[in-house]
Amino acid sequence: MNLTTPHLPTPEGPGSVSQVPNLPAGFTDTFTSRYVDIGELRLHAVTGGEGPALLLLAGPRPGTPGVS
């Protein structure tokens, strides 16, 4: 499975590692934004650090119509 696509641009702007305000010193030296293509789906991922992998996913809030 190819999780990285080298020809994709680096994410920039709000939500990217380079543009988030008030990050701790050194954060952008350790973590980077990148795109990950999985089939027809493109995800914006922040990668870096040490230790076991951690995956955080944003989703709808409880009570959103159509969500149980």
C-alpha atoms as a PDB file:
ATOM      1  CA  MET A   1       0.000   0.000   0.000  1.00  0.00           C
ATOM      2  CA  ASN A   2       1.399   3.427  -0.952  1.00  0.00           C
ATOM      3  CA  LEU A   3       0.657   5.835   1.911  1.00  0.00           C
ATOM      4  CA  THR A   4       2.677   8.766   0.606  1.00  0.00           C
ATOM      5  CA  THR A   5       2.559  10.493  -2.730  1.00  0.00           C
ATOM      6  CA  PRO A   6       5.723  12.546  -3.302  1.00  0.00           C
ATOM      7  CA  HIS A   7       4.206  14.819  -5.979  1.00  0.00           C
ATOM      8  CA  LEU A   8       1.534  16.212  -3.642  1.00  0.00           C
ATOM      9  CA  PRO A   9       2.064  19.734  -2.304  1.00  0.00           C
ATOM     10  CA  THR A  10       2.846  20.241   1.376  1.00  0.00           C
ATOM     11  CA  PRO A  11      -0.266  21.417   3.256  1.00  0.00           C
ATOM     12  CA  GLU A  12      -0.130  25.104   4.082  1.00  0.00           C
ATOM     13  CA  GLY A  13      -2.445  27.592   5.742  1.00  0.00           C
ATOM     14  CA  PRO A  14      -4.805  27.165   8.712  1.00  0.00           C
ATOM     15  CA  GLY A  15      -4.614  23.658  10.131  1.00  0.00           C
ATOM     16  CA  SER A  16      -1.142  22.920   8.792  1.00  0.00           C
ATOM     17  CA  VAL A  17       1.750  22.572  11.218  1.00  0.00           C
ATOM     18  CA  SER A  18       3.407  25.697   9.807  1.00  0.00           C
ATOM     19  CA  GLN A  19       0.415  27.987  10.462  1.00  0.00           C
ATOM     20  CA  VAL A  20      -1.042  26.891  13.822  1.00  0.00           C
ATOM     21  CA  PRO A  21      -0.662  29.691  16.389  1.00  0.00           C
ATOM     22  CA  ASN A  22       0.804  29.227  19.883  1.00  0.00           C
ATOM     23  CA  LEU A  23       2.616  25.934  19.296  1.00  0.00           C
ATOM     24  CA  PRO A  24       5.366  25.051  21.776  1.00  0.00           C
ATOM     25  CA  ALA A  25       8.927  25.944  20.790  1.00  0.00           C
ATOM     26  CA  GLY A  26      10.450  23.267  18.552  1.00  0.00           C
ATOM     27  CA  PHE A  27       7.098  21.762  17.496  1.00  0.00           C
ATOM     28  CA  THR A  28       7.664  22.453  13.799  1.00  0.00           C
ATOM     29  CA  ASP A  29      11.162  20.936  14.045  1.00  0.00           C
ATOM     30  CA  THR A  30       9.613  17.643  15.198  1.00  0.00           C
ATOM     31  CA  PHE A  31       6.264  17.475  13.371  1.00  0.00           C
ATOM     32  CA  THR A  32       5.381  18.077   9.727  1.00  0.00           C
ATOM     33  CA  SER A  33       2.190  18.230   7.688  1.00  0.00           C
ATOM     34  CA  ARG A  34       1.771  15.966   4.684  1.00  0.00           C
ATOM     35  CA  TYR A  35      -0.940  14.475   2.536  1.00  0.00           C
ATOM     36  CA  VAL A  36      -1.706  10.752   2.524  1.00  0.00           C
ATOM     37  CA  ASP A  37      -3.672   9.278  -0.380  1.00  0.00           C
ATOM     38  CA  ILE A  38      -5.671   6.138   0.355  1.00  0.00           C
ATOM     39  CA  GLY A  39      -7.554   5.148  -2.758  1.00  0.00           C
ATOM     40  CA  GLU A  40      -9.748   8.116  -3.705  1.00  0.00           C
ATOM     41  CA  LEU A  41      -9.436   9.685  -0.252  1.00  0.00           C
ATOM     42  CA  ARG A  42      -6.797  12.339   0.550  1.00  0.00           C
ATOM     43  CA  LEU A  43      -6.023  12.930   4.219  1.00  0.00           C
ATOM     44  CA  HIS A  44      -3.977  15.703   5.839  1.00  0.00           C
ATOM     45  CA  ALA A  45      -1.696  14.063   8.377  1.00  0.00           C
ATOM     46  CA  VAL A  46       0.728  15.485  10.930  1.00  0.00           C
ATOM     47  CA  THR A  47       3.638  13.127  11.447  1.00  0.00           C
ATOM     48  CA  GLY A  48       6.674  13.064  13.727  1.00  0.00           C
ATOM     49  CA  GLY A  49       7.830  12.356  17.224  1.00  0.00           C
ATOM     50  CA  GLU A  50       8.931   9.166  18.922  1.00  0.00           C
ATOM     51  CA  GLY A  51       7.238   6.194  20.532  1.00  0.00           C
ATOM     52  CA  PRO A  52       4.136   4.182  19.650  1.00  0.00           C
ATOM     53  CA  ALA A  53       1.941   5.464  16.836  1.00  0.00           C
ATOM     54  CA  LEU A  54      -1.118   7.503  17.798  1.00  0.00           C
ATOM     55  CA  LEU A  55      -4.010   8.118  15.401  1.00  0.00           C
ATOM     56  CA  LEU A  56      -6.502  10.908  16.140  1.00  0.00           C
ATOM     57  CA  LEU A  57      -9.553  11.322  13.916  1.00  0.00           C
ATOM     58  CA  ALA A  58     -12.005  14.205  13.926  1.00  0.00           C
ATOM     59  CA  GLY A  59     -15.636  13.302  13.504  1.00  0.00           C
ATOM     60  CA  PRO A  60     -19.171  14.548  14.043  1.00  0.00           C
ATOM     61  CA  ARG A  61     -20.326  15.461  17.516  1.00  0.00           C
ATOM     62  CA  PRO A  62     -22.887  13.314  19.332  1.00  0.00           C
ATOM     63  CA  GLY A  63     -26.350  14.584  18.591  1.00  0.00           C
ATOM     64  CA  THR A  64     -25.523  15.550  15.011  1.00  0.00           C
ATOM     65  CA  PRO A  65     -28.495  14.523  12.829  1.00  0.00           C
ATOM     66  CA  GLY A  66     -27.863  11.105  11.326  1.00  0.00           C
ATOM     67  CA  VAL A  67     -25.227  10.192  13.935  1.00  0.00           C
ATOM     68  CA  SER A  68     -26.064   7.740  16.725  1.00  0.00           C
END
